[in-house]
Amino acid sequence: GSIRPSLVAAAIFYRLGEAIYRPLWARPTWVGVALAVVVLLAVFSVLRGGVNDAVTNLNTSPEELMASERQMQDILRQPSVSRFLVVEADSPEQLLARAQVLESTLMRWSSETETSLRWRGLHQYLPAAAQQEQDRQLVAAKLYGPEGALALLCQKLGAQCAAPELPHQALTPAPFDKNITGFLPPLLQRDGRWYSLVTLGGDVSDAQLATLAGSVQGVTFVNQTSDLSSLLGRYRLSVSEILGFTLVLLAIGLA
């Protein structure tokens, strides 16, 4: 009958293996030395070169293109998509209040260090209710008060002016139109907690941003690139441990 191709391949593989195996089995010392040298070279290569788990290594774009993109973002003053601050609180009002404390901290630190740090958050468009009331009182006193700008202008013009009545109701996130909120930093609710992002821009180190975030309650600094690189490093370590354990068991079984 016909001979199966798989049997022919197995016979060829067996003859090749026997031809290589018999000379090696006759010189076990040399084989052990060669394997030891290969292992030592591999260990030396890893120790010398180290490991690099940065997720940016997966980006195959040329460095010139990356530099041009960073320059364009800086010119357009666009925030970074990988580094930001997360503000969390028990209510939207508490969240906006904490964001305003963060705003003061960032402004003070930026003026003291003279850095190019930029940020953008929901609190810049929607202040906390307490801040809105302070602003309303300031406008009422400086513009429409007895000695405000409107009274002085009317006095110089010799006209009778009536100050408009300012609304006392504070603006909250609820009545914000959906078409408007699409262009603003998000305000999210999850598991009874409220979250918002403060996007960042400028050349500031992660350590400095982490320190600033730690000085304000409810604020956390996030670097997605660094976090993903750390995750890849943990995966590499786990896979290496599993592979090493498998090789040890395989060696014991073969021995």
Protein backbone atom coordinates (compact mmCIF):
# COMPACT_ATOMS: atom_id res chain seq x y z
CA GLY A 1 0.00 0.00 0.00
CA SER A 2 0.91 3.66 -0.08
CA ILE A 3 3.18 5.04 2.61
CA ARG A 4 1.75 7.97 4.54
CA PRO A 5 3.75 11.24 4.35
CA SER A 6 3.60 11.53 8.15
CA LEU A 7 5.41 8.19 8.54
CA VAL A 8 8.09 9.27 6.08
CA ALA A 9 8.60 12.53 7.99
CA ALA A 10 8.78 10.64 11.29
CA ALA A 11 11.40 8.26 9.90
CA ILE A 12 13.53 11.14 8.60
CA PHE A 13 13.24 12.97 11.92
CA TYR A 14 14.22 9.79 13.79
CA ARG A 15 17.34 9.23 11.65
CA LEU A 16 18.43 12.85 12.05
CA GLY A 17 17.85 12.73 15.80
CA GLU A 18 19.77 9.49 16.15
CA ALA A 19 22.67 10.88 14.12
CA ILE A 20 22.91 13.95 16.36
CA TYR A 21 22.02 12.27 19.66
CA ARG A 22 24.63 9.49 19.62
CA PRO A 23 27.71 11.80 19.35
CA LEU A 24 26.31 14.12 22.04
CA TRP A 25 25.48 11.25 24.40
CA ALA A 26 29.08 10.05 24.06
CA ARG A 27 30.38 13.42 25.36
CA PRO A 28 28.11 14.44 28.26
CA THR A 29 30.76 16.67 29.83
CA TRP A 30 31.14 18.81 26.72
CA VAL A 31 27.38 19.06 26.35
CA GLY A 32 27.03 20.20 29.97
CA VAL A 33 29.77 22.81 29.53
CA ALA A 34 28.17 24.13 26.34
CA LEU A 35 24.75 24.41 27.98
CA ALA A 36 26.28 26.16 31.01
CA VAL A 37 28.04 28.66 28.71
CA VAL A 38 24.79 29.37 26.85
CA VAL A 39 22.92 29.94 30.14
CA LEU A 40 25.65 32.22 31.49
CA LEU A 41 25.70 34.26 28.29
CA ALA A 42 21.93 34.62 28.43
CA VAL A 43 22.00 35.73 32.08
CA PHE A 44 24.86 38.17 31.39
CA SER A 45 22.97 39.63 28.42
CA VAL A 46 19.86 40.21 30.53
CA LEU A 47 21.82 41.71 33.45
CA ARG A 48 23.81 44.01 31.18
CA GLY A 49 21.02 45.16 28.92
CA GLY A 50 18.30 45.09 31.55
CA VAL A 51 14.63 45.12 30.69
CA ASN A 52 12.46 47.86 29.29
CA ASP A 53 8.73 47.49 29.82
CA ALA A 54 7.80 50.94 28.46
CA VAL A 55 4.67 50.69 26.38
CA THR A 56 6.09 53.42 24.12
CA ASN A 57 8.36 50.76 22.64
CA LEU A 58 5.29 49.45 20.81
CA ASN A 59 5.02 52.74 18.92
CA THR A 60 6.83 52.31 15.61
CA SER A 61 6.50 55.97 14.57
CA PRO A 62 9.83 57.72 13.90
CA GLU A 63 11.20 59.99 16.61
CA GLU A 64 11.00 63.02 14.30
CA LEU A 65 7.25 62.51 13.92
CA MET A 66 6.81 62.13 17.70
CA ALA A 67 8.79 65.34 18.32
CA SER A 68 6.68 67.21 15.76
CA GLU A 69 3.48 65.99 17.42
CA ARG A 70 4.67 67.15 20.85
CA GLN A 71 5.65 70.53 19.40
CA MET A 72 2.24 70.91 17.75
CA GLN A 73 0.47 70.06 21.02
CA ASP A 74 2.58 72.66 22.82
CA ILE A 75 1.83 75.32 20.20
CA LEU A 76 -1.89 74.59 20.28
CA ARG A 77 -1.71 74.31 24.08
CA GLN A 78 -3.44 70.96 23.96
CA PRO A 79 -3.49 68.92 27.18
CA SER A 80 -1.83 65.54 27.45
CA VAL A 81 -4.07 62.52 26.86
CA SER A 82 -2.01 60.24 29.09
CA ARG A 83 -1.45 62.41 32.20
CA PHE A 84 -4.28 63.93 34.21
CA LEU A 85 -5.63 64.48 37.72
CA VAL A 86 -8.71 62.67 38.98
CA VAL A 87 -10.88 64.54 41.51
CA GLU A 88 -13.42 62.49 43.47
CA ALA A 89 -15.97 63.44 46.10
CA ASP A 90 -19.29 62.43 47.65
CA SER A 91 -21.31 65.07 45.78
CA PRO A 92 -20.92 67.40 42.79
CA GLU A 93 -20.66 70.43 45.09
CA GLN A 94 -17.87 68.84 47.15
CA LEU A 95 -16.12 67.84 43.94
CA LEU A 96 -16.19 71.40 42.58
CA ALA A 97 -14.97 72.72 45.93
CA ARG A 98 -12.03 70.32 45.93
CA ALA A 99 -11.28 71.20 42.33
CA GLN A 100 -11.10 74.87 43.30
CA VAL A 101 -8.65 74.05 46.09
CA LEU A 102 -6.61 72.18 43.51
CA GLU A 103 -6.81 75.21 41.21
CA SER A 104 -5.36 77.45 43.93
CA THR A 105 -2.61 74.93 44.66
CA LEU A 106 -1.65 74.65 40.99
CA MET A 107 -1.65 78.42 40.50
CA ARG A 108 0.50 79.00 43.57
CA TRP A 109 2.97 76.27 42.65
CA SER A 110 3.15 77.39 39.01
CA SER A 111 3.90 80.99 39.99
CA GLU A 112 6.52 79.96 42.54
CA THR A 113 8.37 77.61 40.20
CA GLU A 114 7.72 79.57 36.99
CA THR A 115 6.86 76.40 35.07
CA SER A 116 4.83 75.98 31.89
CA LEU A 117 2.17 73.87 33.61
CA ARG A 118 -1.31 74.20 32.12
CA TRP A 119 -4.56 72.61 33.26
CA ARG A 120 -8.22 72.48 32.34
CA GLY A 121 -11.09 71.36 34.53
CA LEU A 122 -14.85 71.57 34.90
CA HIS A 123 -14.51 73.95 37.87
CA GLN A 124 -13.16 76.63 35.51
CA TYR A 125 -16.55 76.70 33.76
CA LEU A 126 -18.76 75.80 36.70
CA PRO A 127 -17.52 77.13 40.08
CA ALA A 128 -18.77 75.75 43.35
CA ALA A 129 -21.95 77.28 44.81
CA ALA A 130 -19.98 79.06 47.55
CA GLN A 131 -17.66 80.62 44.95
CA GLN A 132 -20.64 81.67 42.82
CA GLU A 133 -22.18 83.42 45.85
CA GLN A 134 -18.91 85.23 46.57
CA ASP A 135 -18.73 86.35 42.94
CA ARG A 136 -22.36 87.50 43.05
CA GLN A 137 -21.73 89.57 46.17
CA LEU A 138 -18.60 91.05 44.61
CA VAL A 139 -20.47 92.05 41.45
CA ALA A 140 -23.34 93.47 43.52
CA ALA A 141 -20.96 95.61 45.57
CA LYS A 142 -18.46 96.72 42.93
CA LEU A 143 -20.85 97.27 40.04
CA TYR A 144 -24.32 97.88 41.44
CA GLY A 145 -23.63 98.98 45.03
CA PRO A 146 -24.15 102.50 46.41
CA GLU A 147 -20.53 103.33 45.56
CA GLY A 148 -20.23 100.96 42.65
CA ALA A 149 -19.36 101.62 39.05
CA LEU A 150 -22.98 102.03 37.96
CA ALA A 151 -23.71 104.67 40.64
CA LEU A 152 -20.57 106.65 39.76
CA LEU A 153 -21.38 106.51 36.05
CA CYS A 154 -24.96 107.66 36.60
CA GLN A 155 -23.73 110.46 38.86
CA LYS A 156 -21.37 111.75 36.19
CA LEU A 157 -24.07 111.51 33.53
CA GLY A 158 -26.64 113.14 35.78
CA ALA A 159 -29.10 110.34 35.13
CA GLN A 160 -31.27 108.19 37.32
CA CYS A 161 -30.21 104.55 37.10
CA ALA A 162 -31.70 101.47 38.68
CA ALA A 163 -29.43 98.52 39.47
CA PRO A 164 -30.64 95.20 38.09
CA GLU A 165 -31.60 92.44 40.47
CA LEU A 166 -29.01 89.67 40.48
CA PRO A 167 -30.25 86.08 40.66
CA HIS A 168 -29.59 84.25 43.92
CA GLN A 169 -29.88 80.73 42.48
CA ALA A 170 -26.54 79.08 41.95
CA LEU A 171 -25.77 77.21 38.75
CA THR A 172 -25.43 73.44 39.21
CA PRO A 173 -24.26 70.69 36.84
CA ALA A 174 -27.85 69.43 36.39
CA PRO A 175 -29.20 72.10 33.99
CA PHE A 176 -26.10 72.01 31.77
CA ASP A 177 -27.14 71.31 28.21
CA LYS A 178 -25.81 68.03 26.81
CA ASN A 179 -24.50 69.80 23.71
CA ILE A 180 -22.39 72.02 25.96
CA THR A 181 -21.10 69.35 28.32
CA GLY A 182 -19.70 67.46 25.33
CA PHE A 183 -17.01 70.15 25.07
CA LEU A 184 -16.31 70.33 28.81
CA PRO A 185 -14.36 68.03 31.14
CA PRO A 186 -16.62 65.17 32.25
CA LEU A 187 -18.53 64.86 35.50
CA LEU A 188 -19.16 61.19 36.21
CA GLN A 189 -21.05 59.32 38.93
CA ARG A 190 -20.11 55.76 39.87
CA ASP A 191 -20.94 53.71 42.98
CA GLY A 192 -22.22 56.76 44.82
CA ARG A 193 -19.08 58.80 44.15
CA TRP A 194 -18.55 61.70 41.76
CA TYR A 195 -15.48 62.05 39.55
CA SER A 196 -14.03 64.63 37.21
CA LEU A 197 -10.77 65.05 35.32
CA VAL A 198 -8.30 67.92 35.28
CA THR A 199 -6.25 67.59 32.12
CA LEU A 200 -2.64 68.73 32.16
CA GLY A 201 -0.15 70.24 29.75
CA GLY A 202 3.41 71.47 29.92
CA ASP A 203 6.78 69.98 30.78
CA VAL A 204 6.40 68.95 34.44
CA SER A 205 7.70 65.72 35.96
CA ASP A 206 5.41 62.99 37.26
CA ALA A 207 6.95 63.23 40.72
CA GLN A 208 6.03 66.92 41.01
CA LEU A 209 2.48 66.30 39.82
CA ALA A 210 2.07 63.37 42.21
CA THR A 211 3.24 65.59 45.08
CA LEU A 212 0.77 68.32 44.13
CA ALA A 213 -2.07 65.81 43.87
CA GLY A 214 -1.23 64.34 47.27
CA SER A 215 -1.50 67.76 48.90
CA VAL A 216 -5.23 68.05 48.06
CA GLN A 217 -7.81 65.66 49.48
CA GLY A 218 -9.60 63.51 46.93
CA VAL A 219 -7.13 64.19 44.11
CA THR A 220 -5.07 61.46 42.40
CA PHE A 221 -2.45 61.79 39.70
CA VAL A 222 -2.71 59.31 36.80
CA ASN A 223 -0.12 58.58 34.12
CA GLN A 224 -1.67 56.01 31.81
CA THR A 225 1.59 55.34 29.97
CA SER A 226 3.49 54.65 33.18
CA ASP A 227 0.68 52.54 34.64
CA LEU A 228 0.43 50.42 31.50
CA SER A 229 4.21 49.98 31.43
CA SER A 230 4.13 48.80 35.04
CA LEU A 231 1.35 46.36 34.14
CA LEU A 232 3.44 44.96 31.29
CA GLY A 233 6.36 44.61 33.69
CA ARG A 234 4.24 42.58 36.10
CA TYR A 235 3.05 40.39 33.22
CA ARG A 236 6.66 39.83 32.14
CA LEU A 237 7.68 38.86 35.64
CA SER A 238 4.74 36.47 36.03
CA VAL A 239 5.37 34.81 32.67
CA SER A 240 9.08 34.49 33.48
CA GLU A 241 8.31 32.79 36.78
CA ILE A 242 5.87 30.38 35.13
CA LEU A 243 8.34 29.63 32.34
CA GLY A 244 11.18 29.03 34.79
CA PHE A 245 9.05 26.72 36.91
CA THR A 246 7.97 24.82 33.78
CA LEU A 247 11.58 24.39 32.64
CA VAL A 248 12.56 23.05 36.08
CA LEU A 249 9.73 20.50 36.02
CA LEU A 250 10.61 19.57 32.45
CA ALA A 251 14.26 19.08 33.36
CA ILE A 252 13.33 16.88 36.32
CA GLY A 253 10.99 14.82 34.18
CA LEU A 254 13.56 14.34 31.43
CA ALA A 255 16.27 13.47 33.96
